[in-house]
Every structure is written in structure tokens, then in C-alpha cells.
N, C-alpha and C. Protein backbone atom coordinates (compact mmCIF):
# COMPACT_ATOMS: atom_id res chain seq x y z
N UNK A 1 0.82 -1.18 0.00
CA UNK A 1 0.00 0.00 0.00
C UNK A 1 0.87 1.25 0.00
N UNK A 2 2.02 1.16 0.66
CA UNK A 2 2.91 2.31 0.70
C UNK A 2 3.40 2.66 -0.70
N UNK A 3 3.59 1.64 -1.54
CA UNK A 3 4.03 1.88 -2.92
C UNK A 3 2.96 2.63 -3.71
N UNK A 4 1.71 2.26 -3.49
CA UNK A 4 0.61 2.93 -4.19
C UNK A 4 0.50 4.38 -3.73
N UNK A 5 0.63 4.60 -2.42
CA UNK A 5 0.57 5.97 -1.89
C UNK A 5 1.71 6.82 -2.46
N UNK A 6 2.90 6.24 -2.53
CA UNK A 6 4.05 6.98 -3.08
C UNK A 6 3.82 7.30 -4.56
N UNK A 7 3.22 6.35 -5.27
CA UNK A 7 2.94 6.58 -6.69
C UNK A 7 1.95 7.73 -6.88
N UNK A 8 0.92 7.77 -6.04
CA UNK A 8 -0.06 8.86 -6.11
C UNK A 8 0.62 10.20 -5.82
N UNK A 9 1.45 10.22 -4.78
CA UNK A 9 2.15 11.47 -4.45
C UNK A 9 3.06 11.92 -5.59
N UNK A 10 3.79 10.98 -6.18
CA UNK A 10 4.68 11.32 -7.30
C UNK A 10 3.90 11.89 -8.47
N UNK A 11 2.76 11.29 -8.77
CA UNK A 11 1.95 11.78 -9.89
C UNK A 11 1.38 13.16 -9.59
N UNK A 12 0.94 13.37 -8.36
CA UNK A 12 0.41 14.69 -7.99
C UNK A 12 1.52 15.73 -8.08
N UNK A 13 2.68 15.40 -7.53
CA UNK A 13 3.81 16.35 -7.57
C UNK A 13 4.27 16.62 -8.99
N UNK A 14 4.11 15.66 -9.88
CA UNK A 14 4.48 15.85 -11.28
C UNK A 14 3.34 16.41 -12.11
N UNK A 15 2.25 16.80 -11.47
CA UNK A 15 1.08 17.38 -12.13
C UNK A 15 0.55 16.44 -13.21
N UNK A 16 0.46 15.13 -12.86
CA UNK A 16 -0.06 14.14 -13.79
C UNK A 16 -1.34 13.54 -13.22
N UNK A 17 -2.11 12.88 -14.08
CA UNK A 17 -3.37 12.25 -13.67
C UNK A 17 -3.07 11.09 -12.73
N UNK A 18 -3.70 11.09 -11.57
CA UNK A 18 -3.47 10.04 -10.59
C UNK A 18 -4.76 9.30 -10.24
N UNK A 19 -5.80 9.48 -11.04
CA UNK A 19 -7.11 8.91 -10.72
C UNK A 19 -7.05 7.39 -10.58
N UNK A 20 -6.39 6.72 -11.51
CA UNK A 20 -6.33 5.26 -11.47
C UNK A 20 -5.60 4.77 -10.22
N UNK A 21 -4.48 5.40 -9.91
CA UNK A 21 -3.70 5.01 -8.74
C UNK A 21 -4.44 5.36 -7.44
N UNK A 22 -5.11 6.49 -7.43
CA UNK A 22 -5.88 6.89 -6.24
C UNK A 22 -7.04 5.92 -6.00
N UNK A 23 -7.69 5.46 -7.06
CA UNK A 23 -8.77 4.48 -6.91
C UNK A 23 -8.21 3.15 -6.39
N UNK A 24 -7.04 2.78 -6.86
CA UNK A 24 -6.40 1.55 -6.35
C UNK A 24 -6.09 1.70 -4.86
N UNK A 25 -5.63 2.86 -4.47
CA UNK A 25 -5.33 3.13 -3.06
C UNK A 25 -6.61 3.03 -2.22
N UNK A 26 -7.69 3.63 -2.69
CA UNK A 26 -8.97 3.55 -1.97
C UNK A 26 -9.45 2.10 -1.87
N UNK A 27 -9.25 1.32 -2.94
CA UNK A 27 -9.65 -0.08 -2.92
C UNK A 27 -8.86 -0.86 -1.87
N UNK A 28 -7.56 -0.60 -1.78
CA UNK A 28 -6.74 -1.25 -0.76
C UNK A 28 -7.19 -0.88 0.64
N UNK A 29 -7.53 0.38 0.84
CA UNK A 29 -8.01 0.81 2.17
C UNK A 29 -9.33 0.14 2.52
N UNK A 30 -10.22 -0.02 1.52
CA UNK A 30 -11.48 -0.71 1.75
C UNK A 30 -11.22 -2.16 2.17
N UNK A 31 -10.29 -2.82 1.47
CA UNK A 31 -9.98 -4.22 1.79
C UNK A 31 -9.41 -4.34 3.20
N UNK A 32 -8.54 -3.43 3.58
CA UNK A 32 -7.97 -3.46 4.93
C UNK A 32 -9.06 -3.25 5.97
N UNK A 33 -9.97 -2.32 5.71
CA UNK A 33 -11.07 -2.07 6.63
C UNK A 33 -11.95 -3.30 6.78
N UNK A 34 -12.22 -3.98 5.66
CA UNK A 34 -13.01 -5.22 5.73
C UNK A 34 -12.27 -6.30 6.51
N UNK A 35 -10.98 -6.44 6.29
CA UNK A 35 -10.20 -7.45 7.02
C UNK A 35 -10.19 -7.17 8.52
N UNK A 36 -10.05 -5.91 8.88
CA UNK A 36 -10.07 -5.56 10.31
C UNK A 36 -11.45 -5.84 10.90
N UNK A 37 -12.50 -5.53 10.14
CA UNK A 37 -13.86 -5.84 10.60
C UNK A 37 -14.07 -7.32 10.81
N UNK A 38 -13.57 -8.15 9.87
CA UNK A 38 -13.69 -9.61 10.02
C UNK A 38 -12.89 -10.09 11.22
N UNK A 39 -11.72 -9.52 11.41
CA UNK A 39 -10.87 -9.91 12.53
C UNK A 39 -11.56 -9.60 13.86
N UNK A 40 -12.17 -8.41 13.95
CA UNK A 40 -12.88 -8.03 15.17
C UNK A 40 -14.10 -8.91 15.38
N UNK A 41 -14.83 -9.25 14.30
CA UNK A 41 -16.00 -10.10 14.41
C UNK A 41 -15.62 -11.51 14.87
N UNK A 42 -14.40 -11.92 14.56
CA UNK A 42 -13.93 -13.25 14.96
C UNK A 42 -13.37 -13.25 16.38
N UNK A 43 -13.45 -12.11 17.06
CA UNK A 43 -13.01 -12.05 18.45
C UNK A 43 -11.70 -11.32 18.65
N UNK A 44 -11.16 -10.75 17.61
CA UNK A 44 -9.92 -9.99 17.75
C UNK A 44 -10.13 -8.76 18.59
N UNK A 45 -9.37 -8.65 19.66
CA UNK A 45 -9.56 -7.50 20.54
C UNK A 45 -8.24 -6.81 20.87
N UNK A 46 -7.14 -7.29 20.32
CA UNK A 46 -5.86 -6.65 20.56
C UNK A 46 -5.83 -5.28 19.90
N UNK A 47 -5.02 -4.40 20.43
CA UNK A 47 -4.83 -3.10 19.81
C UNK A 47 -3.86 -3.28 18.65
N UNK A 48 -4.29 -2.89 17.47
CA UNK A 48 -3.44 -3.03 16.30
C UNK A 48 -2.38 -1.93 16.28
N UNK A 49 -1.15 -2.26 15.89
CA UNK A 49 -0.11 -1.23 15.84
C UNK A 49 -0.39 -0.24 14.71
N UNK A 50 0.04 0.99 14.91
CA UNK A 50 -0.08 1.97 13.84
C UNK A 50 1.33 2.35 13.38
N UNK A 51 1.41 3.25 12.45
CA UNK A 51 2.70 3.63 11.87
C UNK A 51 3.64 4.19 12.93
N UNK A 52 3.13 4.97 13.85
CA UNK A 52 3.97 5.57 14.89
C UNK A 52 4.61 4.50 15.78
N UNK A 53 3.84 3.44 16.07
CA UNK A 53 4.39 2.34 16.86
C UNK A 53 5.52 1.64 16.10
N UNK A 54 5.33 1.43 14.80
CA UNK A 54 6.35 0.75 14.01
C UNK A 54 7.63 1.57 13.95
N UNK A 55 7.51 2.88 13.79
CA UNK A 55 8.70 3.74 13.75
C UNK A 55 9.40 3.73 15.10
N UNK A 56 8.61 3.81 16.18
CA UNK A 56 9.19 3.80 17.52
C UNK A 56 9.92 2.49 17.78
N UNK A 57 9.31 1.37 17.42
CA UNK A 57 9.95 0.07 17.64
C UNK A 57 11.23 -0.06 16.82
N UNK A 58 11.21 0.46 15.60
CA UNK A 58 12.40 0.41 14.75
C UNK A 58 13.53 1.23 15.38
N UNK A 59 13.19 2.40 15.95
CA UNK A 59 14.21 3.23 16.60
C UNK A 59 14.77 2.54 17.83
N UNK A 60 13.90 1.89 18.61
CA UNK A 60 14.36 1.19 19.81
C UNK A 60 15.33 0.07 19.43
N UNK A 61 15.00 -0.68 18.38
CA UNK A 61 15.87 -1.76 17.93
C UNK A 61 17.20 -1.21 17.44
N UNK A 62 17.17 -0.10 16.69
CA UNK A 62 18.39 0.49 16.16
C UNK A 62 19.29 1.00 17.28
N UNK A 63 18.70 1.65 18.27
CA UNK A 63 19.47 2.17 19.40
C UNK A 63 20.06 1.01 20.19
N UNK A 64 19.28 -0.05 20.38
CA UNK A 64 19.76 -1.21 21.12
C UNK A 64 20.96 -1.87 20.43
N UNK A 65 20.93 -1.96 19.10
CA UNK A 65 22.05 -2.54 18.36
C UNK A 65 23.29 -1.66 18.49
N UNK A 66 23.10 -0.34 18.44
CA UNK A 66 24.23 0.57 18.54
C UNK A 66 24.87 0.47 19.91
N UNK A 67 24.06 0.32 20.96
CA UNK A 67 24.61 0.21 22.32
C UNK A 67 25.37 -1.09 22.50
N UNK A 68 24.86 -2.17 21.90
CA UNK A 68 25.55 -3.45 22.01
C UNK A 68 26.87 -3.45 21.22
N UNK A 69 26.91 -2.72 20.12
CA UNK A 69 28.09 -2.70 19.27
C UNK A 69 29.17 -1.79 19.84
N UNK A 70 28.81 -0.81 20.65
CA UNK A 70 29.79 0.14 21.21
C UNK A 70 30.65 -0.58 22.28
N UNK A 71 31.96 -0.36 22.23
CA UNK A 71 32.82 -1.00 23.25
C UNK A 71 32.56 -0.37 24.62
N UNK A 72 32.59 -1.21 25.63
CA UNK A 72 32.38 -0.73 27.00
C UNK A 72 33.70 -0.32 27.60
N UNK A 73 33.65 0.69 28.44
CA UNK A 73 34.88 1.18 29.09
C UNK A 73 34.91 0.78 30.52
């Protein structure tokens, strides 16, 4: 989905028609919404991660690797 969003942004920034790509993006969002609805109907109650959580977790992992790689004094 990130690729489709980037494609839409590139087309908009290049002042080109993005209708087809934007419709594909909306279709993907509809599918994700349906999947989440099915998951919740099946008893899914966990909090789903969002983009901010993924970035934060990536930073924590990166910082942890840097600390382990640094020599201790």
C-alpha cells in the first residue's frame, strides 16, 4: 500500500493524472477495513499497531544494536 501511496504522491507532484492510482489506493483501504472488521467479528480484541508504533519500535531496535556494538569502558 505504501508503494501505491508513493505513486499517487509522485503523480500529484508531477502534475499528472493520478485517478487510477488513487482508486487503487482507496480499494486497498477498503480491503484493509473489511479485514479488520472480520478480525474483530472473529473475536480480535488486541490493539493493532499503527505507523507511529512501528517507527518507535524500529528506533528502539536500532538504538539497542548501537549500544551493544559500542565498546564498554
